Amino acid sequence: MLRLLGHGPPPPLLLLLLLLLPLSTPALQPLPHSTVSLPSPSSAPQPSSFQSHCYPAVMALRGGRGDSIKAKDLRDKTIDELSQLEQELRSELMSLRVAQQVGGQPGRVNKIKTVRKNIARVLTVMNVGKKHKAKDIRMNRHWPKAWRTRLTKKEKSIKSEKAKRCLKLKIWGGGVRPMRRVVLTEPLPPPILDVVDYSIERTFEKYPRRRKGAKGRHTATGHIPEHAKLAMDKKKLKWKEENKRLKALRQKQDQMAEE
């Protein structure tokens, strides 16, 4: 049996019978107990007849080859042309499905995935909205994702209200406002230049350029401004009043305990 199917050399008796048989009779007949049925070559559609009798729009877009259709080639077409192209692609897909079931050529059966992608591209172009530009025709389509999602200069410059308040406090200090600008309508008197004694406290810098930390700290110039001194005195007075109140409360509690 294996020798008849081609798995070994044929016996000499079989070669003798083949030489004696007439040419009109077939050399080998299928086995009676075999259940394998192979399709004839005429039953499967041929690629030459398949490409010549239909689908002109598909072949024009592909340039006569079996390549995939690009979405950028479909942007200039009308809805009617896209609908016709979709019907042709669906007919092509149906014929490929039939060839797959009957055991057609492997090269044609492998094109099912490509045809399905072509149908998806046609439907994408047909259903694309007008709000956003398509991804394949954007200028940044070749950029990395980090470049495409980064913020613009205008978006980077936007600050929240909290950030604005923090920035003001960082520049002017806590509780400090910018100095009011005064417009002089008369000419200024000539300046008087003199030497100031170093023992005199310097209080000229009412609004310092920069300050260290919170309100009341020493500035980078080495002295305490006048407004900072006032704030410190106010805070000390508040602590004195609080200590006085606590002392009176403790005395009252001690008297009640003795009674």
Protein backbone atom coordinates (compact mmCIF):
# COMPACT_ATOMS: atom_id res chain seq x y z
CA MET A 1 0.00 0.00 0.00
CA LEU A 2 2.78 2.46 0.91
CA ARG A 3 4.58 1.67 -2.29
CA LEU A 4 1.47 2.43 -4.33
CA LEU A 5 1.09 5.82 -2.64
CA GLY A 6 4.68 6.79 -3.36
CA HIS A 7 6.31 6.08 -0.01
CA GLY A 8 8.72 3.49 -1.40
CA PRO A 9 10.08 2.03 -4.66
CA PRO A 10 7.46 0.22 -6.83
CA PRO A 11 7.77 -3.56 -7.16
CA PRO A 12 9.05 -5.03 -10.46
CA LEU A 13 5.69 -6.68 -11.19
CA LEU A 14 3.92 -3.30 -11.12
CA LEU A 15 6.40 -1.82 -13.59
CA LEU A 16 5.80 -4.72 -15.94
CA LEU A 17 2.01 -4.23 -15.80
CA LEU A 18 2.37 -0.52 -16.52
CA LEU A 19 4.40 -1.23 -19.64
CA LEU A 20 1.84 -3.73 -20.93
CA LEU A 21 -1.21 -1.48 -20.41
CA PRO A 22 -2.47 0.56 -23.43
CA LEU A 23 -1.89 4.32 -23.50
CA SER A 24 -5.61 5.19 -23.56
CA THR A 25 -6.31 3.73 -20.12
CA PRO A 26 -5.22 5.68 -17.04
CA ALA A 27 -2.16 4.33 -15.28
CA LEU A 28 -3.47 4.55 -11.75
CA GLN A 29 -7.00 4.58 -10.43
CA PRO A 30 -7.99 6.04 -7.02
CA LEU A 31 -8.28 3.51 -4.26
CA PRO A 32 -11.85 2.28 -3.65
CA HIS A 33 -11.66 2.75 0.12
CA SER A 34 -10.19 6.29 -0.05
CA THR A 35 -12.43 9.18 1.14
CA VAL A 36 -10.12 12.08 0.14
CA SER A 37 -11.59 14.26 -2.62
CA LEU A 38 -9.40 16.95 -4.15
CA PRO A 39 -10.99 19.79 -6.15
CA SER A 40 -10.27 20.06 -9.80
CA PRO A 41 -8.20 23.04 -11.00
CA SER A 42 -11.12 24.36 -13.03
CA SER A 43 -13.41 24.66 -9.98
CA ALA A 44 -11.26 27.31 -8.21
CA PRO A 45 -11.23 30.83 -9.74
CA GLN A 46 -8.00 31.70 -11.54
CA PRO A 47 -6.15 34.94 -10.73
CA SER A 48 -6.00 36.05 -14.35
CA SER A 49 -9.76 35.84 -14.88
CA PHE A 50 -10.32 37.27 -11.40
CA GLN A 51 -8.36 40.44 -12.12
CA SER A 52 -9.66 40.97 -15.63
CA HIS A 53 -13.42 40.60 -15.42
CA CYS A 54 -14.24 42.98 -12.52
CA TYR A 55 -13.02 45.48 -9.90
CA PRO A 56 -11.56 48.22 -12.15
CA ALA A 57 -11.50 50.81 -9.36
CA VAL A 58 -9.57 48.51 -7.05
CA MET A 59 -6.97 47.69 -9.69
CA ALA A 60 -6.58 51.38 -10.57
CA LEU A 61 -5.85 52.29 -6.95
CA ARG A 62 -3.41 49.44 -6.56
CA GLY A 63 -1.57 50.25 -9.75
CA GLY A 64 -2.26 46.82 -11.23
CA ARG A 65 -0.73 44.97 -8.26
CA GLY A 66 -2.17 43.20 -5.26
CA ASP A 67 -0.90 45.80 -2.78
CA SER A 68 -3.00 47.43 -0.10
CA ILE A 69 -4.90 50.67 -0.66
CA LYS A 70 -3.62 53.80 1.07
CA ALA A 71 -6.04 56.13 2.82
CA LYS A 72 -4.33 59.21 1.40
CA ASP A 73 -5.32 58.09 -2.12
CA LEU A 74 -9.00 58.06 -1.12
CA ARG A 75 -9.28 61.62 0.23
CA ASP A 76 -10.11 63.23 -3.11
CA LYS A 77 -12.85 60.76 -4.07
CA THR A 78 -16.57 61.37 -3.73
CA ILE A 79 -19.00 59.36 -1.65
CA ASP A 80 -20.36 57.54 -4.71
CA GLU A 81 -16.89 56.45 -5.79
CA LEU A 82 -16.07 55.29 -2.29
CA SER A 83 -19.33 53.33 -2.07
CA GLN A 84 -18.62 51.63 -5.40
CA LEU A 85 -15.10 50.80 -4.22
CA GLU A 86 -16.49 49.32 -1.02
CA GLN A 87 -18.88 47.07 -2.96
CA GLU A 88 -16.05 45.87 -5.22
CA LEU A 89 -13.85 45.10 -2.23
CA ARG A 90 -16.65 43.19 -0.54
CA SER A 91 -17.21 41.15 -3.71
CA GLU A 92 -13.50 40.42 -3.84
CA LEU A 93 -13.56 39.35 -0.20
CA MET A 94 -16.50 37.02 -0.89
CA SER A 95 -14.68 35.35 -3.77
CA LEU A 96 -11.61 34.91 -1.57
CA ARG A 97 -13.75 33.30 1.12
CA VAL A 98 -15.13 30.85 -1.44
CA ALA A 99 -11.62 30.05 -2.67
CA GLN A 100 -10.58 29.43 0.92
CA GLN A 101 -13.38 26.92 1.47
CA VAL A 102 -12.77 24.98 -1.74
CA GLY A 103 -8.99 24.94 -1.20
CA GLY A 104 -7.81 27.53 -3.69
CA GLN A 105 -4.33 28.89 -4.18
CA PRO A 106 -2.52 29.79 -0.92
CA GLY A 107 -1.31 33.10 -2.34
CA ARG A 108 -4.86 34.28 -2.96
CA VAL A 109 -6.20 33.04 0.36
CA ASN A 110 -3.53 35.01 2.20
CA LYS A 111 -4.92 38.26 0.71
CA ILE A 112 -8.06 38.10 2.87
CA LYS A 113 -6.40 40.14 5.60
CA THR A 114 -5.28 42.81 3.11
CA VAL A 115 -8.75 43.12 1.57
CA ARG A 116 -10.35 43.47 5.00
CA LYS A 117 -7.94 46.27 5.85
CA ASN A 118 -8.76 47.98 2.56
CA ILE A 119 -12.47 47.88 3.39
CA ALA A 120 -11.74 49.37 6.80
CA ARG A 121 -9.73 52.21 5.23
CA VAL A 122 -12.52 53.00 2.79
CA LEU A 123 -15.08 53.10 5.61
CA THR A 124 -12.77 55.31 7.67
CA VAL A 125 -12.49 57.86 4.87
CA MET A 126 -16.25 57.76 4.28
CA ASN A 127 -17.13 58.30 7.95
CA VAL A 128 -14.42 60.79 8.84
CA GLY A 129 -15.66 63.90 10.65
CA LYS A 130 -14.92 67.51 9.78
CA LYS A 131 -14.00 68.57 13.32
CA HIS A 132 -10.47 67.16 13.36
CA LYS A 133 -7.97 66.64 10.59
CA ALA A 134 -7.25 63.04 9.68
CA LYS A 135 -4.15 61.55 11.27
CA ASP A 136 -2.49 60.51 8.01
CA ILE A 137 -2.54 64.09 6.64
CA ARG A 138 -1.39 65.90 9.78
CA MET A 139 1.97 67.60 9.82
CA ASN A 140 3.08 65.84 13.01
CA ARG A 141 2.09 62.32 11.99
CA HIS A 142 5.75 61.17 12.06
CA TRP A 143 6.52 62.77 15.44
CA PRO A 144 6.87 60.68 18.61
CA LYS A 145 3.96 60.60 21.00
CA ALA A 146 5.82 62.74 23.55
CA TRP A 147 6.19 65.50 20.95
CA ARG A 148 2.56 65.31 19.82
CA THR A 149 1.15 65.53 23.37
CA ARG A 150 3.44 68.23 24.74
CA LEU A 151 2.06 71.63 25.75
CA THR A 152 2.32 74.72 23.61
CA LYS A 153 3.95 77.96 24.78
CA LYS A 154 0.56 79.49 25.53
CA GLU A 155 -0.55 76.48 27.57
CA LYS A 156 2.73 76.52 29.51
CA SER A 157 2.31 80.20 30.40
CA ILE A 158 -1.16 79.70 31.94
CA LYS A 159 -1.04 79.85 35.75
CA SER A 160 -3.73 79.17 38.31
CA GLU A 161 -4.94 81.75 40.82
CA LYS A 162 -3.01 80.01 43.59
CA ALA A 163 0.20 80.09 41.56
CA LYS A 164 -0.30 83.81 40.89
CA ARG A 165 -0.73 84.51 44.61
CA CYS A 166 2.39 82.51 45.45
CA LEU A 167 4.34 84.38 42.80
CA LYS A 168 3.28 87.73 44.22
CA LEU A 169 4.29 86.67 47.73
CA LYS A 170 7.60 85.39 46.42
CA ILE A 171 8.43 88.70 44.74
CA TRP A 172 7.03 91.22 47.24
CA GLY A 173 6.97 89.21 50.46
CA GLY A 174 4.08 88.39 52.76
CA GLY A 175 1.74 91.31 53.36
CA VAL A 176 3.80 93.68 51.20
CA ARG A 177 2.30 95.56 48.30
CA PRO A 178 4.13 97.25 45.44
CA MET A 179 5.05 100.86 45.98
CA ARG A 180 2.62 103.36 44.50
CA ARG A 181 3.91 105.31 41.56
CA VAL A 182 3.81 109.10 41.96
CA VAL A 183 3.58 111.44 39.00
CA LEU A 184 5.31 114.78 39.59
CA THR A 185 3.97 117.79 37.72
CA GLU A 186 6.64 120.22 38.96
CA PRO A 187 10.41 120.02 38.49
CA LEU A 188 12.37 118.41 41.28
CA PRO A 189 14.66 120.50 43.50
CA PRO A 190 18.39 120.05 43.05
CA PRO A 191 19.78 117.07 44.97
CA ILE A 192 21.75 117.65 48.17
CA LEU A 193 24.80 115.46 48.57
CA ASP A 194 26.11 114.92 52.09
CA VAL A 195 27.80 112.26 54.20
CA VAL A 196 25.52 110.33 56.54
CA ASP A 197 26.83 109.12 59.86
CA TYR A 198 26.98 105.31 60.03
CA SER A 199 25.55 105.32 63.56
CA ILE A 200 22.21 106.55 62.21
CA GLU A 201 19.81 103.68 61.50
CA ARG A 202 19.17 103.17 57.84
CA THR A 203 15.43 103.16 57.13
CA PHE A 204 15.51 104.33 53.53
CA GLU A 205 14.62 100.95 52.06
CA LYS A 206 10.96 100.70 52.90
CA TYR A 207 10.21 98.16 50.20
CA PRO A 208 13.27 95.91 49.83
CA ARG A 209 14.04 94.14 46.62
CA ARG A 210 14.21 90.68 48.20
CA ARG A 211 13.53 89.26 51.62
CA LYS A 212 14.36 86.05 53.40
CA GLY A 213 11.40 84.01 54.59
CA ALA A 214 8.27 85.32 56.23
CA LYS A 215 7.30 88.75 57.46
CA GLY A 216 9.67 90.39 59.98
CA ARG A 217 12.89 88.60 58.98
CA HIS A 218 16.13 90.37 58.23
CA THR A 219 16.65 91.35 54.63
CA ALA A 220 19.69 90.74 52.48
CA THR A 221 20.82 94.35 53.06
CA GLY A 222 21.42 93.66 56.76
CA HIS A 223 18.69 95.78 58.40
CA ILE A 224 15.00 95.51 59.25
CA PRO A 225 12.59 97.72 57.25
CA GLU A 226 10.17 100.03 59.04
CA HIS A 227 7.04 98.09 58.11
CA ALA A 228 8.65 94.88 59.39
CA LYS A 229 9.39 96.50 62.73
CA LEU A 230 5.77 97.59 63.06
CA ALA A 231 4.61 94.06 62.36
CA MET A 232 7.00 92.64 64.96
CA ASP A 233 5.84 95.14 67.62
CA LYS A 234 2.21 94.28 66.89
CA LYS A 235 2.96 90.59 67.31
CA LYS A 236 4.78 91.16 70.62
CA LEU A 237 1.87 93.22 71.97
CA LYS A 238 -0.54 90.44 71.05
CA TRP A 239 1.55 87.87 72.92
CA LYS A 240 1.72 90.14 76.00
CA GLU A 241 -2.08 90.46 76.10
CA GLU A 242 -2.47 86.71 75.74
CA ASN A 243 0.01 86.00 78.56
CA LYS A 244 -1.75 88.51 80.79
CA ARG A 245 -5.11 86.81 80.17
CA LEU A 246 -3.69 83.37 80.91
CA LYS A 247 -2.06 84.58 84.12
CA ALA A 248 -5.36 86.05 85.39
CA LEU A 249 -7.16 82.81 84.51
CA ARG A 250 -4.66 80.69 86.47
CA GLN A 251 -4.95 82.96 89.53
CA LYS A 252 -8.73 82.64 89.43
CA GLN A 253 -8.50 78.86 89.20
CA ASP A 254 -6.11 78.72 92.17
CA GLN A 255 -8.47 80.82 94.30
CA MET A 256 -11.38 78.52 93.48
CA ALA A 257 -9.28 75.49 94.38
CA GLU A 258 -8.32 76.94 97.79
CA GLU A 259 -11.95 77.68 98.65
